[in-house]
Amino acid sequence: MGGIDTDHPSSDISSEYAKEGTTEDSKLKFSEDEEDLIARMFRLVGERWSLIAGRIPGRTAEEIEKYWTSKYSSSSN
């Protein structure tokens, strides 16, 4: 009876969420080539994230926008 509670302790659930967060963070890591291409494309087309994403295989417009705003939003103010 008590075994049911110990099969899924809250610490296991927390660690699963932490692993998921780590995966998301690592998706936002871009190579130097990707960063360079994003910067060049941004200068050409502005905030047209879907156009930029079309030039970088495996990346979505949302990932690129999130990367850009996290890296450059504080410096643009």
N, C-alpha and C. Protein backbone atom coordinates (compact mmCIF):
# COMPACT_ATOMS: atom_id res chain seq x y z
N MET A 1 0.81 -1.19 0.00
CA MET A 1 0.00 0.00 0.00
C MET A 1 0.85 1.25 0.00
N GLY A 2 1.84 1.30 0.89
CA GLY A 2 2.71 2.46 0.94
C GLY A 2 3.62 2.53 -0.28
N GLY A 3 3.81 1.41 -1.01
CA GLY A 3 4.68 1.36 -2.18
C GLY A 3 4.19 2.26 -3.31
N ILE A 4 2.91 2.48 -3.36
CA ILE A 4 2.37 3.32 -4.43
C ILE A 4 2.90 4.74 -4.30
N ASP A 5 2.97 5.26 -3.09
CA ASP A 5 3.47 6.62 -2.87
C ASP A 5 4.94 6.74 -3.20
N THR A 6 5.72 5.71 -2.95
CA THR A 6 7.16 5.80 -3.17
C THR A 6 7.55 5.53 -4.61
N ASP A 7 6.62 5.01 -5.44
CA ASP A 7 6.94 4.78 -6.84
C ASP A 7 7.17 6.08 -7.60
N HIS A 8 6.47 7.13 -7.21
CA HIS A 8 6.58 8.41 -7.91
C HIS A 8 6.75 9.54 -6.91
N PRO A 9 7.88 9.56 -6.20
CA PRO A 9 8.08 10.67 -5.26
C PRO A 9 8.18 11.99 -6.02
N SER A 10 7.82 13.07 -5.34
CA SER A 10 7.80 14.38 -5.99
C SER A 10 9.18 14.78 -6.51
N SER A 11 10.24 14.30 -5.89
CA SER A 11 11.58 14.66 -6.37
C SER A 11 11.84 14.09 -7.75
N ASP A 12 11.29 12.90 -8.05
CA ASP A 12 11.44 12.34 -9.39
C ASP A 12 10.72 13.19 -10.42
N ILE A 13 9.54 13.65 -10.07
CA ILE A 13 8.77 14.48 -10.98
C ILE A 13 9.52 15.79 -11.22
N SER A 14 10.06 16.38 -10.17
CA SER A 14 10.82 17.62 -10.31
C SER A 14 12.02 17.43 -11.22
N SER A 15 12.71 16.31 -11.07
CA SER A 15 13.88 16.09 -11.90
C SER A 15 13.49 15.88 -13.36
N GLU A 16 12.32 15.29 -13.61
CA GLU A 16 11.85 15.15 -14.99
C GLU A 16 11.62 16.52 -15.61
N TYR A 17 10.99 17.43 -14.85
CA TYR A 17 10.77 18.77 -15.37
C TYR A 17 12.10 19.48 -15.60
N ALA A 18 13.05 19.27 -14.74
CA ALA A 18 14.37 19.90 -14.89
C ALA A 18 15.03 19.40 -16.17
N LYS A 19 14.90 18.09 -16.45
CA LYS A 19 15.48 17.55 -17.67
C LYS A 19 14.82 18.16 -18.90
N GLU A 20 13.50 18.32 -18.85
CA GLU A 20 12.79 18.92 -19.98
C GLU A 20 13.27 20.35 -20.18
N GLY A 21 13.45 21.10 -19.11
CA GLY A 21 13.92 22.48 -19.21
C GLY A 21 15.31 22.54 -19.82
N THR A 22 16.15 21.59 -19.45
CA THR A 22 17.50 21.53 -19.99
C THR A 22 17.45 21.28 -21.49
N THR A 23 16.54 20.42 -21.92
CA THR A 23 16.41 20.14 -23.34
C THR A 23 16.01 21.41 -24.08
N GLU A 24 15.05 22.17 -23.54
CA GLU A 24 14.64 23.41 -24.19
C GLU A 24 15.80 24.40 -24.25
N ASP A 25 16.55 24.51 -23.15
CA ASP A 25 17.69 25.43 -23.13
C ASP A 25 18.72 25.04 -24.18
N SER A 26 18.99 23.75 -24.30
CA SER A 26 20.00 23.32 -25.26
C SER A 26 19.52 23.53 -26.69
N LYS A 27 18.20 23.52 -26.93
CA LYS A 27 17.69 23.82 -28.26
C LYS A 27 17.97 25.26 -28.64
N LEU A 28 18.06 26.13 -27.64
CA LEU A 28 18.31 27.54 -27.92
C LEU A 28 19.78 27.84 -28.11
N LYS A 29 20.63 26.83 -27.98
CA LYS A 29 22.05 27.03 -28.25
C LYS A 29 22.26 26.91 -29.74
N PHE A 30 22.80 27.97 -30.30
CA PHE A 30 23.02 28.01 -31.74
C PHE A 30 24.51 27.98 -32.02
N SER A 31 24.87 27.38 -33.14
CA SER A 31 26.28 27.36 -33.53
C SER A 31 26.69 28.76 -33.99
N GLU A 32 27.99 28.98 -34.10
CA GLU A 32 28.48 30.29 -34.57
C GLU A 32 27.96 30.59 -35.96
N ASP A 33 27.92 29.57 -36.81
CA ASP A 33 27.41 29.76 -38.17
C ASP A 33 25.95 30.19 -38.16
N GLU A 34 25.16 29.53 -37.29
CA GLU A 34 23.74 29.90 -37.19
C GLU A 34 23.59 31.33 -36.67
N GLU A 35 24.36 31.67 -35.64
CA GLU A 35 24.29 33.02 -35.08
C GLU A 35 24.65 34.07 -36.13
N ASP A 36 25.69 33.78 -36.89
CA ASP A 36 26.11 34.70 -37.94
C ASP A 36 25.03 34.85 -39.00
N LEU A 37 24.45 33.74 -39.42
CA LEU A 37 23.41 33.78 -40.43
C LEU A 37 22.17 34.53 -39.92
N ILE A 38 21.80 34.28 -38.67
CA ILE A 38 20.65 34.98 -38.09
C ILE A 38 20.90 36.49 -38.08
N ALA A 39 22.09 36.90 -37.67
CA ALA A 39 22.42 38.32 -37.60
C ALA A 39 22.38 38.95 -39.00
N ARG A 40 22.96 38.26 -39.98
CA ARG A 40 22.97 38.79 -41.34
C ARG A 40 21.55 38.87 -41.91
N MET A 41 20.78 37.82 -41.69
CA MET A 41 19.40 37.81 -42.19
C MET A 41 18.56 38.88 -41.49
N PHE A 42 18.80 39.06 -40.19
CA PHE A 42 18.05 40.08 -39.45
C PHE A 42 18.32 41.47 -40.04
N ARG A 43 19.58 41.74 -40.37
CA ARG A 43 19.90 43.03 -40.97
C ARG A 43 19.20 43.21 -42.32
N LEU A 44 19.02 42.13 -43.05
CA LEU A 44 18.39 42.20 -44.37
C LEU A 44 16.87 42.26 -44.31
N VAL A 45 16.25 41.42 -43.46
CA VAL A 45 14.79 41.28 -43.50
C VAL A 45 14.09 41.70 -42.21
N GLY A 46 14.86 42.05 -41.18
CA GLY A 46 14.25 42.45 -39.92
C GLY A 46 13.65 41.27 -39.16
N GLU A 47 12.54 41.50 -38.51
CA GLU A 47 11.95 40.49 -37.63
C GLU A 47 11.04 39.51 -38.39
N ARG A 48 11.46 39.11 -39.54
CA ARG A 48 10.72 38.10 -40.31
C ARG A 48 11.28 36.73 -39.97
N TRP A 49 10.92 36.27 -38.78
CA TRP A 49 11.51 35.06 -38.22
C TRP A 49 11.29 33.85 -39.11
N SER A 50 10.13 33.76 -39.76
CA SER A 50 9.87 32.58 -40.61
C SER A 50 10.78 32.57 -41.83
N LEU A 51 11.10 33.74 -42.37
CA LEU A 51 12.05 33.81 -43.49
C LEU A 51 13.44 33.36 -43.03
N ILE A 52 13.84 33.82 -41.86
CA ILE A 52 15.15 33.45 -41.33
C ILE A 52 15.19 31.95 -41.04
N ALA A 53 14.12 31.43 -40.45
CA ALA A 53 14.05 30.00 -40.12
C ALA A 53 14.12 29.14 -41.38
N GLY A 54 13.61 29.66 -42.49
CA GLY A 54 13.66 28.92 -43.74
C GLY A 54 15.07 28.70 -44.25
N ARG A 55 16.02 29.48 -43.76
CA ARG A 55 17.42 29.36 -44.16
C ARG A 55 18.23 28.48 -43.21
N ILE A 56 17.63 28.10 -42.07
CA ILE A 56 18.36 27.30 -41.08
C ILE A 56 17.60 26.00 -40.84
N PRO A 57 18.06 24.90 -41.44
CA PRO A 57 17.37 23.62 -41.30
C PRO A 57 17.24 23.20 -39.84
N GLY A 58 16.06 22.72 -39.49
CA GLY A 58 15.83 22.21 -38.14
C GLY A 58 15.47 23.26 -37.11
N ARG A 59 15.37 24.50 -37.52
CA ARG A 59 15.02 25.59 -36.60
C ARG A 59 13.65 26.15 -36.96
N THR A 60 12.88 26.48 -35.92
CA THR A 60 11.58 27.10 -36.15
C THR A 60 11.70 28.61 -35.97
N ALA A 61 10.71 29.30 -36.51
CA ALA A 61 10.68 30.76 -36.35
C ALA A 61 10.64 31.13 -34.88
N GLU A 62 9.90 30.36 -34.09
CA GLU A 62 9.78 30.64 -32.65
C GLU A 62 11.12 30.49 -31.94
N GLU A 63 11.88 29.45 -32.29
CA GLU A 63 13.20 29.26 -31.68
C GLU A 63 14.13 30.43 -32.00
N ILE A 64 14.10 30.85 -33.23
CA ILE A 64 14.99 31.94 -33.65
C ILE A 64 14.59 33.24 -32.98
N GLU A 65 13.30 33.51 -32.93
CA GLU A 65 12.84 34.74 -32.26
C GLU A 65 13.20 34.72 -30.79
N LYS A 66 13.00 33.57 -30.13
CA LYS A 66 13.33 33.45 -28.71
C LYS A 66 14.83 33.65 -28.49
N TYR A 67 15.65 33.05 -29.36
CA TYR A 67 17.10 33.23 -29.28
C TYR A 67 17.46 34.71 -29.43
N TRP A 68 16.92 35.35 -30.46
CA TRP A 68 17.26 36.75 -30.75
C TRP A 68 16.86 37.66 -29.60
N THR A 69 15.64 37.51 -29.11
CA THR A 69 15.19 38.41 -28.04
C THR A 69 15.95 38.16 -26.75
N SER A 70 16.32 36.91 -26.49
CA SER A 70 17.08 36.64 -25.26
C SER A 70 18.50 37.19 -25.35
N LYS A 71 19.04 37.23 -26.54
CA LYS A 71 20.43 37.69 -26.71
C LYS A 71 20.54 39.19 -26.92
N TYR A 72 19.57 39.80 -27.62
CA TYR A 72 19.71 41.18 -28.02
C TYR A 72 18.66 42.15 -27.47
N SER A 73 17.64 41.65 -26.77
CA SER A 73 16.57 42.56 -26.33
C SER A 73 17.06 43.61 -25.33
N SER A 74 17.94 43.27 -24.39
CA SER A 74 18.41 44.24 -23.41
C SER A 74 19.34 45.28 -24.02
N SER A 75 20.09 44.89 -25.06
CA SER A 75 21.01 45.84 -25.68
C SER A 75 20.32 46.79 -26.64
N SER A 76 19.09 46.45 -27.06
CA SER A 76 18.39 47.31 -28.01
C SER A 76 17.59 48.40 -27.31
N ASN A 77 17.50 48.37 -25.99
CA ASN A 77 16.76 49.40 -25.24
C ASN A 77 17.59 50.60 -24.93
